[in-house]
Amino acid sequence: MVRYLSECVFRADLSLLAEVRRAGEGIAARCPRIDVLIDNAGLHAFSHRVTSEGYAEMTAVNYLAPWVLTDALRDRLTAPASASAPARIVTVASRASLRPTPSTRRWT
């Protein structure tokens, strides 16, 4: 049986790691096995902001949230597959957080 996660929606403020963990636990409760996890969230803040949990907002969203979500789903990602293919985790990053230096006119 194939079930798609599009059957349900999980919402979380990705800057708050407790919400990310809660969403991950909710996904794990609904899905006995996850074959592919794509972490694709990013934030480029032009000013330094700190979350209520004490993390730099950009660090929380871009680095910590994907790790917390993946960790919350670890058992589902490593569950035995009916097929021989193991689960895949894809983490997407953006170069938007890189600021060009005065010596560069454009990003390459």
PDB file of N, CA and C in Angstrom:
ATOM      1  N   MET A   1       0.847  -1.175   0.000  1.00  0.00           N
ATOM      2  CA  MET A   1       0.000   0.000   0.000  1.00  0.00           C
ATOM      3  C   MET A   1       0.890   1.235   0.000  1.00  0.00           C
ATOM      4  N   VAL A   2       0.581   2.180  -0.835  1.00  0.00           N
ATOM      5  CA  VAL A   2       1.329   3.427  -0.911  1.00  0.00           C
ATOM      6  C   VAL A   2       0.487   4.527  -0.292  1.00  0.00           C
ATOM      7  N   ARG A   3       1.083   5.217   0.671  1.00  0.00           N
ATOM      8  CA  ARG A   3       0.397   6.361   1.286  1.00  0.00           C
ATOM      9  C   ARG A   3       1.274   7.578   1.056  1.00  0.00           C
ATOM     10  N   TYR A   4       0.639   8.660   0.733  1.00  0.00           N
ATOM     11  CA  TYR A   4       1.365   9.891   0.502  1.00  0.00           C
ATOM     12  C   TYR A   4       1.125  10.850   1.649  1.00  0.00           C
ATOM     13  N   LEU A   5       2.164  11.571   2.035  1.00  0.00           N
ATOM     14  CA  LEU A   5       2.051  12.515   3.136  1.00  0.00           C
ATOM     15  C   LEU A   5       1.109  13.662   2.785  1.00  0.00           C
ATOM     16  N   SER A   6       0.817  13.843   1.511  1.00  0.00           N
ATOM     17  CA  SER A   6      -0.096  14.908   1.113  1.00  0.00           C
ATOM     18  C   SER A   6      -1.496  14.680   1.669  1.00  0.00           C
ATOM     19  N   GLU A   7      -1.737  13.503   2.230  1.00  0.00           N
ATOM     20  CA  GLU A   7      -3.034  13.223   2.842  1.00  0.00           C
ATOM     21  C   GLU A   7      -3.236  14.029   4.116  1.00  0.00           C
ATOM     22  N   CYS A   8      -2.159  14.559   4.684  1.00  0.00           N
ATOM     23  CA  CYS A   8      -2.271  15.332   5.909  1.00  0.00           C
ATOM     24  C   CYS A   8      -1.238  16.457   5.906  1.00  0.00           C
ATOM     25  N   VAL A   9      -1.501  17.464   6.711  1.00  0.00           N
ATOM     26  CA  VAL A   9      -0.633  18.637   6.769  1.00  0.00           C
ATOM     27  C   VAL A   9      -0.116  18.784   8.192  1.00  0.00           C
ATOM     28  N   PHE A  10       1.167  19.047   8.306  1.00  0.00           N
ATOM     29  CA  PHE A  10       1.792  19.305   9.599  1.00  0.00           C
ATOM     30  C   PHE A  10       2.398  20.693   9.537  1.00  0.00           C
ATOM     31  N   ARG A  11       2.049  21.528  10.491  1.00  0.00           N
ATOM     32  CA  ARG A  11       2.553  22.901  10.505  1.00  0.00           C
ATOM     33  C   ARG A  11       3.459  23.114  11.701  1.00  0.00           C
ATOM     34  N   ALA A  12       4.529  23.860  11.452  1.00  0.00           N
ATOM     35  CA  ALA A  12       5.454  24.170  12.536  1.00  0.00           C
ATOM     36  C   ALA A  12       6.227  25.426  12.181  1.00  0.00           C
ATOM     37  N   ASP A  13       6.502  26.221  13.174  1.00  0.00           N
ATOM     38  CA  ASP A  13       7.403  27.353  13.021  1.00  0.00           C
ATOM     39  C   ASP A  13       8.805  26.764  13.072  1.00  0.00           C
ATOM     40  N   LEU A  14       9.513  26.774  11.949  1.00  0.00           N
ATOM     41  CA  LEU A  14      10.805  26.108  11.874  1.00  0.00           C
ATOM     42  C   LEU A  14      11.896  26.817  12.666  1.00  0.00           C
ATOM     43  N   SER A  15      11.600  27.994  13.176  1.00  0.00           N
ATOM     44  CA  SER A  15      12.575  28.669  14.030  1.00  0.00           C
ATOM     45  C   SER A  15      12.466  28.182  15.474  1.00  0.00           C
ATOM     46  N   LEU A  16      11.403  27.448  15.784  1.00  0.00           N
ATOM     47  CA  LEU A  16      11.198  26.926  17.138  1.00  0.00           C
ATOM     48  C   LEU A  16      11.381  25.412  17.113  1.00  0.00           C
ATOM     49  N   LEU A  17      12.471  24.960  17.664  1.00  0.00           N
ATOM     50  CA  LEU A  17      12.835  23.550  17.565  1.00  0.00           C
ATOM     51  C   LEU A  17      11.847  22.633  18.278  1.00  0.00           C
ATOM     52  N   ALA A  18      11.188  23.132  19.308  1.00  0.00           N
ATOM     53  CA  ALA A  18      10.161  22.324  19.978  1.00  0.00           C
ATOM     54  C   ALA A  18       9.003  22.045  19.014  1.00  0.00           C
ATOM     55  N   GLU A  19       8.649  23.026  18.181  1.00  0.00           N
ATOM     56  CA  GLU A  19       7.580  22.815  17.192  1.00  0.00           C
ATOM     57  C   GLU A  19       8.031  21.858  16.100  1.00  0.00           C
ATOM     58  N   VAL A  20       9.283  21.957  15.698  1.00  0.00           N
ATOM     59  CA  VAL A  20       9.817  21.041  14.686  1.00  0.00           C
ATOM     60  C   VAL A  20       9.774  19.613  15.213  1.00  0.00           C
ATOM     61  N   ARG A  21      10.201  19.421  16.450  1.00  0.00           N
ATOM     62  CA  ARG A  21      10.178  18.091  17.070  1.00  0.00           C
ATOM     63  C   ARG A  21       8.736  17.566  17.133  1.00  0.00           C
ATOM     64  N   ARG A  22       7.782  18.433  17.541  1.00  0.00           N
ATOM     65  CA  ARG A  22       6.372  18.039  17.629  1.00  0.00           C
ATOM     66  C   ARG A  22       5.841  17.623  16.250  1.00  0.00           C
ATOM     67  N   ALA A  23       6.178  18.391  15.219  1.00  0.00           N
ATOM     68  CA  ALA A  23       5.731  18.040  13.862  1.00  0.00           C
ATOM     69  C   ALA A  23       6.344  16.713  13.430  1.00  0.00           C
ATOM     70  N   GLY A  24       7.625  16.518  13.721  1.00  0.00           N
ATOM     71  CA  GLY A  24       8.279  15.256  13.379  1.00  0.00           C
ATOM     72  C   GLY A  24       7.636  14.068  14.068  1.00  0.00           C
ATOM     73  N   GLU A  25       7.286  14.245  15.329  1.00  0.00           N
ATOM     74  CA  GLU A  25       6.612  13.166  16.065  1.00  0.00           C
ATOM     75  C   GLU A  25       5.231  12.898  15.490  1.00  0.00           C
ATOM     76  N   GLY A  26       4.537  13.953  15.043  1.00  0.00           N
ATOM     77  CA  GLY A  26       3.232  13.767  14.405  1.00  0.00           C
ATOM     78  C   GLY A  26       3.339  13.022  13.090  1.00  0.00           C
ATOM     79  N   ILE A  27       4.350  13.353  12.299  1.00  0.00           N
ATOM     80  CA  ILE A  27       4.577  12.650  11.034  1.00  0.00           C
ATOM     81  C   ILE A  27       4.913  11.185  11.312  1.00  0.00           C
ATOM     82  N   ALA A  28       5.788  10.954  12.287  1.00  0.00           N
ATOM     83  CA  ALA A  28       6.178   9.583  12.633  1.00  0.00           C
ATOM     84  C   ALA A  28       4.978   8.756  13.088  1.00  0.00           C
ATOM     85  N   ALA A  29       4.043   9.393  13.788  1.00  0.00           N
ATOM     86  CA  ALA A  29       2.852   8.678  14.253  1.00  0.00           C
ATOM     87  C   ALA A  29       1.949   8.264  13.091  1.00  0.00           C
ATOM     88  N   ARG A  30       1.976   9.031  12.002  1.00  0.00           N
ATOM     89  CA  ARG A  30       1.106   8.734  10.850  1.00  0.00           C
ATOM     90  C   ARG A  30       1.761   7.851   9.802  1.00  0.00           C
ATOM     91  N   CYS A  31       3.089   7.810   9.775  1.00  0.00           N
ATOM     92  CA  CYS A  31       3.794   7.112   8.701  1.00  0.00           C
ATOM     93  C   CYS A  31       4.701   6.031   9.282  1.00  0.00           C
ATOM     94  N   PRO A  32       4.401   4.771   9.052  1.00  0.00           N
ATOM     95  CA  PRO A  32       5.245   3.702   9.597  1.00  0.00           C
ATOM     96  C   PRO A  32       6.615   3.633   8.930  1.00  0.00           C
ATOM     97  N   ARG A  33       6.727   4.113   7.729  1.00  0.00           N
ATOM     98  CA  ARG A  33       7.997   4.095   6.983  1.00  0.00           C
ATOM     99  C   ARG A  33       8.070   5.336   6.123  1.00  0.00           C
ATOM    100  N   ILE A  34       9.233   5.941   6.060  1.00  0.00           N
ATOM    101  CA  ILE A  34       9.469   7.092   5.182  1.00  0.00           C
ATOM    102  C   ILE A  34      10.604   6.711   4.247  1.00  0.00           C
ATOM    103  N   ASP A  35      10.346   6.799   2.952  1.00  0.00           N
ATOM    104  CA  ASP A  35      11.343   6.423   1.959  1.00  0.00           C
ATOM    105  C   ASP A  35      12.231   7.594   1.554  1.00  0.00           C
ATOM    106  N   VAL A  36      11.665   8.800   1.524  1.00  0.00           N
ATOM    107  CA  VAL A  36      12.422   9.982   1.122  1.00  0.00           C
ATOM    108  C   VAL A  36      12.056  11.137   2.034  1.00  0.00           C
ATOM    109  N   LEU A  37      13.068  11.803   2.555  1.00  0.00           N
ATOM    110  CA  LEU A  37      12.872  13.025   3.335  1.00  0.00           C
ATOM    111  C   LEU A  37      13.672  14.111   2.645  1.00  0.00           C
ATOM    112  N   ILE A  38      13.000  15.190   2.246  1.00  0.00           N
ATOM    113  CA  ILE A  38      13.675  16.325   1.632  1.00  0.00           C
ATOM    114  C   ILE A  38      13.559  17.501   2.585  1.00  0.00           C
ATOM    115  N   ASP A  39      14.695  17.901   3.149  1.00  0.00           N
ATOM    116  CA  ASP A  39      14.751  19.077   4.019  1.00  0.00           C
ATOM    117  C   ASP A  39      15.020  20.273   3.117  1.00  0.00           C
ATOM    118  N   ASN A  40      14.010  21.118   2.928  1.00  0.00           N
ATOM    119  CA  ASN A  40      14.150  22.255   2.031  1.00  0.00           C
ATOM    120  C   ASN A  40      13.496  23.476   2.660  1.00  0.00           C
ATOM    121  N   ALA A  41      14.150  24.033   3.637  1.00  0.00           N
ATOM    122  CA  ALA A  41      13.672  25.262   4.250  1.00  0.00           C
ATOM    123  C   ALA A  41      14.868  26.165   4.425  1.00  0.00           C
ATOM    124  N   GLY A  42      14.660  27.428   4.237  1.00  0.00           N
ATOM    125  CA  GLY A  42      15.778  28.345   4.401  1.00  0.00           C
ATOM    126  C   GLY A  42      15.300  29.736   4.710  1.00  0.00           C
ATOM    127  N   LEU A  43      16.152  30.467   5.356  1.00  0.00           N
ATOM    128  CA  LEU A  43      15.847  31.834   5.757  1.00  0.00           C
ATOM    129  C   LEU A  43      17.115  32.647   5.605  1.00  0.00           C
ATOM    130  N   HIS A  44      16.984  33.804   4.994  1.00  0.00           N
ATOM    131  CA  HIS A  44      18.104  34.742   4.951  1.00  0.00           C
ATOM    132  C   HIS A  44      17.649  36.003   5.668  1.00  0.00           C
ATOM    133  N   ALA A  45      18.168  36.197   6.843  1.00  0.00           N
ATOM    134  CA  ALA A  45      17.795  37.359   7.652  1.00  0.00           C
ATOM    135  C   ALA A  45      18.844  38.448   7.458  1.00  0.00           C
ATOM    136  N   PHE A  46      18.376  39.645   7.180  1.00  0.00           N
ATOM    137  CA  PHE A  46      19.292  40.758   6.988  1.00  0.00           C
ATOM    138  C   PHE A  46      19.689  41.403   8.314  1.00  0.00           C
ATOM    139  N   SER A  47      18.979  41.022   9.352  1.00  0.00           N
ATOM    140  CA  SER A  47      19.362  41.487  10.685  1.00  0.00           C
ATOM    141  C   SER A  47      19.366  40.280  11.619  1.00  0.00           C
ATOM    142  N   HIS A  48      20.175  40.371  12.646  1.00  0.00           N
ATOM    143  CA  HIS A  48      20.305  39.265  13.598  1.00  0.00           C
ATOM    144  C   HIS A  48      19.063  39.227  14.491  1.00  0.00           C
ATOM    145  N   ARG A  49      18.365  38.086  14.475  1.00  0.00           N
ATOM    146  CA  ARG A  49      17.208  37.893  15.348  1.00  0.00           C
ATOM    147  C   ARG A  49      17.425  36.616  16.138  1.00  0.00           C
ATOM    148  N   VAL A  50      16.964  36.629  17.364  1.00  0.00           N
ATOM    149  CA  VAL A  50      17.113  35.490  18.256  1.00  0.00           C
ATOM    150  C   VAL A  50      15.729  34.934  18.567  1.00  0.00           C
ATOM    151  N   THR A  51      15.589  33.604  18.501  1.00  0.00           N
ATOM    152  CA  THR A  51      14.301  32.972  18.784  1.00  0.00           C
ATOM    153  C   THR A  51      14.034  32.971  20.283  1.00  0.00           C
ATOM    154  N   SER A  52      12.812  32.657  20.643  1.00  0.00           N
ATOM    155  CA  SER A  52      12.457  32.582  22.064  1.00  0.00           C
ATOM    156  C   SER A  52      13.198  31.439  22.765  1.00  0.00           C
ATOM    157  N   GLU A  53      13.750  30.507  21.981  1.00  0.00           N
ATOM    158  CA  GLU A  53      14.542  29.416  22.547  1.00  0.00           C
ATOM    159  C   GLU A  53      16.025  29.783  22.674  1.00  0.00           C
ATOM    160  N   GLY A  54      16.381  30.987  22.217  1.00  0.00           N
ATOM    161  CA  GLY A  54      17.742  31.481  22.383  1.00  0.00           C
ATOM    162  C   GLY A  54      18.698  31.215  21.235  1.00  0.00           C
ATOM    163  N   TYR A  55      18.199  30.744  20.088  1.00  0.00           N
ATOM    164  CA  TYR A  55      19.053  30.477  18.934  1.00  0.00           C
ATOM    165  C   TYR A  55      18.955  31.621  17.938  1.00  0.00           C
ATOM    166  N   ALA A  56      20.027  31.851  17.197  1.00  0.00           N
ATOM    167  CA  ALA A  56      19.954  32.776  16.079  1.00  0.00           C
ATOM    168  C   ALA A  56      18.910  32.210  15.107  1.00  0.00           C
ATOM    169  N   GLU A  57      17.981  33.030  14.686  1.00  0.00           N
ATOM    170  CA  GLU A  57      16.860  32.548  13.872  1.00  0.00           C
ATOM    171  C   GLU A  57      17.328  31.863  12.587  1.00  0.00           C
ATOM    172  N   MET A  58      18.292  32.450  11.917  1.00  0.00           N
ATOM    173  CA  MET A  58      18.772  31.861  10.669  1.00  0.00           C
ATOM    174  C   MET A  58      19.434  30.506  10.920  1.00  0.00           C
ATOM    175  N   THR A  59      20.174  30.371  11.991  1.00  0.00           N
ATOM    176  CA  THR A  59      20.801  29.101  12.343  1.00  0.00           C
ATOM    177  C   THR A  59      19.744  28.054  12.691  1.00  0.00           C
ATOM    178  N   ALA A  60      18.727  28.476  13.429  1.00  0.00           N
ATOM    179  CA  ALA A  60      17.665  27.540  13.821  1.00  0.00           C
ATOM    180  C   ALA A  60      16.941  26.992  12.594  1.00  0.00           C
ATOM    181  N   VAL A  61      16.565  27.859  11.668  1.00  0.00           N
ATOM    182  CA  VAL A  61      15.793  27.430  10.498  1.00  0.00           C
ATOM    183  C   VAL A  61      16.658  26.672   9.495  1.00  0.00           C
ATOM    184  N   ASN A  62      17.842  27.193   9.197  1.00  0.00           N
ATOM    185  CA  ASN A  62      18.658  26.625   8.121  1.00  0.00           C
ATOM    186  C   ASN A  62      19.436  25.378   8.515  1.00  0.00           C
ATOM    187  N   TYR A  63      19.802  25.259   9.778  1.00  0.00           N
ATOM    188  CA  TYR A  63      20.685  24.159  10.182  1.00  0.00           C
ATOM    189  C   TYR A  63      20.075  23.238  11.237  1.00  0.00           C
ATOM    190  N   LEU A  64      19.553  23.822  12.289  1.00  0.00           N
ATOM    191  CA  LEU A  64      19.075  23.003  13.402  1.00  0.00           C
ATOM    192  C   LEU A  64      17.732  22.336  13.106  1.00  0.00           C
ATOM    193  N   ALA A  65      16.797  23.047  12.497  1.00  0.00           N
ATOM    194  CA  ALA A  65      15.464  22.477  12.229  1.00  0.00           C
ATOM    195  C   ALA A  65      15.541  21.222  11.355  1.00  0.00           C
ATOM    196  N   PRO A  66      16.295  21.220  10.249  1.00  0.00           N
ATOM    197  CA  PRO A  66      16.389  19.979   9.473  1.00  0.00           C
ATOM    198  C   PRO A  66      16.981  18.825  10.277  1.00  0.00           C
ATOM    199  N   TRP A  67      17.956  19.116  11.116  1.00  0.00           N
ATOM    200  CA  TRP A  67      18.552  18.065  11.936  1.00  0.00           C
ATOM    201  C   TRP A  67      17.538  17.521  12.939  1.00  0.00           C
ATOM    202  N   VAL A  68      16.796  18.415  13.603  1.00  0.00           N
ATOM    203  CA  VAL A  68      15.800  17.983  14.590  1.00  0.00           C
ATOM    204  C   VAL A  68      14.698  17.168  13.919  1.00  0.00           C
ATOM    205  N   LEU A  69      14.231  17.611  12.757  1.00  0.00           N
ATOM    206  CA  LEU A  69      13.187  16.873  12.040  1.00  0.00           C
ATOM    207  C   LEU A  69      13.696  15.489  11.634  1.00  0.00           C
ATOM    208  N   THR A  70      14.886  15.429  11.064  1.00  0.00           N
ATOM    209  CA  THR A  70      15.456  14.150  10.658  1.00  0.00           C
ATOM    210  C   THR A  70      15.631  13.231  11.860  1.00  0.00           C
ATOM    211  N   ASP A  71      16.080  13.782  12.974  1.00  0.00           N
ATOM    212  CA  ASP A  71      16.248  12.982  14.184  1.00  0.00           C
ATOM    213  C   ASP A  71      14.905  12.445  14.688  1.00  0.00           C
ATOM    214  N   ALA A  72      13.863  13.273  14.625  1.00  0.00           N
ATOM    215  CA  ALA A  72      12.534  12.834  15.064  1.00  0.00           C
ATOM    216  C   ALA A  72      11.991  11.720  14.168  1.00  0.00           C
ATOM    217  N   LEU A  73      12.440  11.686  12.924  1.00  0.00           N
ATOM    218  CA  LEU A  73      11.957  10.686  11.963  1.00  0.00           C
ATOM    219  C   LEU A  73      12.927   9.520  11.770  1.00  0.00           C
ATOM    220  N   ARG A  74      13.979   9.482  12.553  1.00  0.00           N
ATOM    221  CA  ARG A  74      15.033   8.477  12.382  1.00  0.00           C
ATOM    222  C   ARG A  74      14.486   7.043  12.345  1.00  0.00           C
ATOM    223  N   ASP A  75      13.607   6.680  13.269  1.00  0.00           N
ATOM    224  CA  ASP A  75      13.073   5.314  13.293  1.00  0.00           C
ATOM    225  C   ASP A  75      12.284   4.996  12.031  1.00  0.00           C
ATOM    226  N   ARG A  76      11.565   5.981  11.495  1.00  0.00           N
ATOM    227  CA  ARG A  76      10.771   5.745  10.277  1.00  0.00           C
ATOM    228  C   ARG A  76      11.660   5.665   9.045  1.00  0.00           C
ATOM    229  N   LEU A  77      12.772   6.393   9.070  1.00  0.00           N
ATOM    230  CA  LEU A  77      13.706   6.370   7.943  1.00  0.00           C
ATOM    231  C   LEU A  77      14.529   5.089   7.918  1.00  0.00           C
ATOM    232  N   THR A  78      14.731   4.491   9.075  1.00  0.00           N
ATOM    233  CA  THR A  78      15.534   3.266   9.146  1.00  0.00           C
ATOM    234  C   THR A  78      14.685   2.009   9.265  1.00  0.00           C
ATOM    235  N   ALA A  79      13.357   2.164   9.220  1.00  0.00           N
ATOM    236  CA  ALA A  79      12.461   1.006   9.286  1.00  0.00           C
ATOM    237  C   ALA A  79      12.711   0.106   8.076  1.00  0.00           C
ATOM    238  N   PRO A  80      12.578  -1.199   8.246  1.00  0.00           N
ATOM    239  CA  PRO A  80      12.791  -2.109   7.115  1.00  0.00           C
ATOM    240  C   PRO A  80      11.850  -1.770   5.956  1.00  0.00           C
ATOM    241  N   ALA A  81      12.415  -1.720   4.793  1.00  0.00           N
ATOM    242  CA  ALA A  81      11.626  -1.415   3.595  1.00  0.00           C
ATOM    243  C   ALA A  81      11.098  -2.691   2.968  1.00  0.00           C
ATOM    244  N   SER A  82       9.946  -2.580   2.328  1.00  0.00           N
ATOM    245  CA  SER A  82       9.432  -3.733   1.603  1.00  0.00           C
ATOM    246  C   SER A  82      10.270  -3.980   0.356  1.00  0.00           C
ATOM    247  N   ALA A  83      10.819  -2.920  -0.190  1.00  0.00           N
ATOM    248  CA  ALA A  83      11.742  -3.058  -1.322  1.00  0.00           C
ATOM    249  C   ALA A  83      13.171  -3.024  -0.763  1.00  0.00           C
ATOM    250  N   SER A  84      14.121  -3.267  -1.599  1.00  0.00           N
ATOM    251  CA  SER A  84      15.499  -3.323  -1.118  1.00  0.00           C
ATOM    252  C   SER A  84      16.151  -1.941  -1.029  1.00  0.00           C
ATOM    253  N   ALA A  85      15.498  -0.905  -1.502  1.00  0.00           N
ATOM    254  CA  ALA A  85      16.098   0.430  -1.487  1.00  0.00           C
ATOM    255  C   ALA A  85      16.009   1.059  -0.105  1.00  0.00           C
ATOM    256  N   PRO A  86      17.117   1.570   0.397  1.00  0.00           N
ATOM    257  CA  PRO A  86      17.085   2.244   1.699  1.00  0.00           C
ATOM    258  C   PRO A  86      16.455   3.637   1.569  1.00  0.00           C
ATOM    259  N   ALA A  87      16.101   4.230   2.694  1.00  0.00           N
ATOM    260  CA  ALA A  87      15.546   5.581   2.690  1.00  0.00           C
ATOM    261  C   ALA A  87      16.621   6.573   2.258  1.00  0.00           C
ATOM    262  N   ARG A  88      16.178   7.666   1.698  1.00  0.00           N
ATOM    263  CA  ARG A  88      17.077   8.728   1.251  1.00  0.00           C
ATOM    264  C   ARG A  88      16.737  10.009   1.996  1.00  0.00           C
ATOM    265  N   ILE A  89      17.757  10.749   2.358  1.00  0.00           N
ATOM    266  CA  ILE A  89      17.581  12.065   2.968  1.00  0.00           C
ATOM    267  C   ILE A  89      18.306  13.065   2.082  1.00  0.00           C
ATOM    268  N   VAL A  90      17.574  14.066   1.620  1.00  0.00           N
ATOM    269  CA  VAL A  90      18.141  15.116   0.783  1.00  0.00           C
ATOM    270  C   VAL A  90      17.999  16.421   1.540  1.00  0.00           C
ATOM    271  N   THR A  91      19.113  17.094   1.765  1.00  0.00           N
ATOM    272  CA  THR A  91      19.084  18.395   2.413  1.00  0.00           C
ATOM    273  C   THR A  91      19.492  19.426   1.380  1.00  0.00           C
ATOM    274  N   VAL A  92      18.604  20.375   1.146  1.00  0.00           N
ATOM    275  CA  VAL A  92      18.823  21.405   0.139  1.00  0.00           C
ATOM    276  C   VAL A  92      19.287  22.668   0.845  1.00  0.00           C
ATOM    277  N   ALA A  93      20.302  23.293   0.290  1.00  0.00           N
ATOM    278  CA  ALA A  93      20.811  24.537   0.859  1.00  0.00           C
ATOM    279  C   ALA A  93      20.834  25.606  -0.230  1.00  0.00           C
ATOM    280  N   SER A  94      20.870  26.829   0.194  1.00  0.00           N
ATOM    281  CA  SER A  94      20.852  27.942  -0.731  1.00  0.00           C
ATOM    282  C   SER A  94      22.112  28.778  -0.562  1.00  0.00           C
ATOM    283  N   ARG A  95      22.551  29.351  -1.627  1.00  0.00           N
ATOM    284  CA  ARG A  95      23.681  30.266  -1.554  1.00  0.00           C
ATOM    285  C   ARG A  95      23.217  31.666  -1.185  1.00  0.00           C
ATOM    286  N   ALA A  96      21.937  31.848  -0.950  1.00  0.00           N
ATOM    287  CA  ALA A  96      21.407  33.175  -0.638  1.00  0.00           C
ATOM    288  C   ALA A  96      21.996  33.738   0.647  1.00  0.00           C
ATOM    289  N   SER A  97      22.433  32.884   1.539  1.00  0.00           N
ATOM    290  CA  SER A  97      22.990  33.380   2.789  1.00  0.00           C
ATOM    291  C   SER A  97      24.429  33.859   2.636  1.00  0.00           C
ATOM    292  N   LEU A  98      25.029  33.566   1.489  1.00  0.00           N
ATOM    293  CA  LEU A  98      26.378  34.061   1.238  1.00  0.00           C
ATOM    294  C   LEU A  98      26.289  35.507   0.768  1.00  0.00           C
ATOM    295  N   ARG A  99      27.028  36.353   1.402  1.00  0.00           N
ATOM    296  CA  ARG A  99      27.030  37.758   0.983  1.00  0.00           C
ATOM    297  C   ARG A  99      28.242  37.991   0.082  1.00  0.00           C
ATOM    298  N   PRO A 100      28.015  38.649  -1.046  1.00  0.00           N
ATOM    299  CA  PRO A 100      29.164  38.923  -1.899  1.00  0.00           C
ATOM    300  C   PRO A 100      30.125  39.889  -1.205  1.00  0.00           C
ATOM    301  N   THR A 101      31.396  39.660  -1.396  1.00  0.00           N
ATOM    302  CA  THR A 101      32.391  40.553  -0.828  1.00  0.00           C
ATOM    303  C   THR A 101      32.589  41.741  -1.760  1.00  0.00           C
ATOM    304  N   PRO A 102      33.199  42.802  -1.296  1.00  0.00           N
ATOM    305  CA  PRO A 102      33.421  43.956  -2.179  1.00  0.00           C
ATOM    306  C   PRO A 102      34.225  43.609  -3.425  1.00  0.00           C
ATOM    307  N   SER A 103      35.030  42.563  -3.374  1.00  0.00           N
ATOM    308  CA  SER A 103      35.853  42.200  -4.533  1.00  0.00           C
ATOM    309  C   SER A 103      35.076  41.396  -5.579  1.00  0.00           C
ATOM    310  N   THR A 104      33.853  40.973  -5.260  1.00  0.00           N
ATOM    311  CA  THR A 104      33.063  40.219  -6.239  1.00  0.00           C
ATOM    312  C   THR A 104      31.832  41.023  -6.624  1.00  0.00           C
ATOM    313  N   ARG A 105      31.537  41.055  -7.887  1.00  0.00           N
ATOM    314  CA  ARG A 105      30.376  41.795  -8.374  1.00  0.00           C
ATOM    315  C   ARG A 105      29.127  40.906  -8.421  1.00  0.00           C
ATOM    316  N   ARG A 106      29.338  39.611  -8.592  1.00  0.00           N
ATOM    317  CA  ARG A 106      28.208  38.687  -8.662  1.00  0.00           C
ATOM    318  C   ARG A 106      28.632  37.363  -8.059  1.00  0.00           C
ATOM    319  N   TRP A 107      27.652  36.551  -7.718  1.00  0.00           N
ATOM    320  CA  TRP A 107      27.925  35.230  -7.180  1.00  0.00           C
ATOM    321  C   TRP A 107      28.194  34.290  -8.329  1.00  0.00           C
ATOM    322  N   THR A 108      29.055  33.351  -8.113  1.00  0.00           N
ATOM    323  CA  THR A 108      29.320  32.382  -9.171  1.00  0.00           C
ATOM    324  C   THR A 108      28.765  31.049  -8.790  1.00  0.00           C
TER     325      THR A 108
END
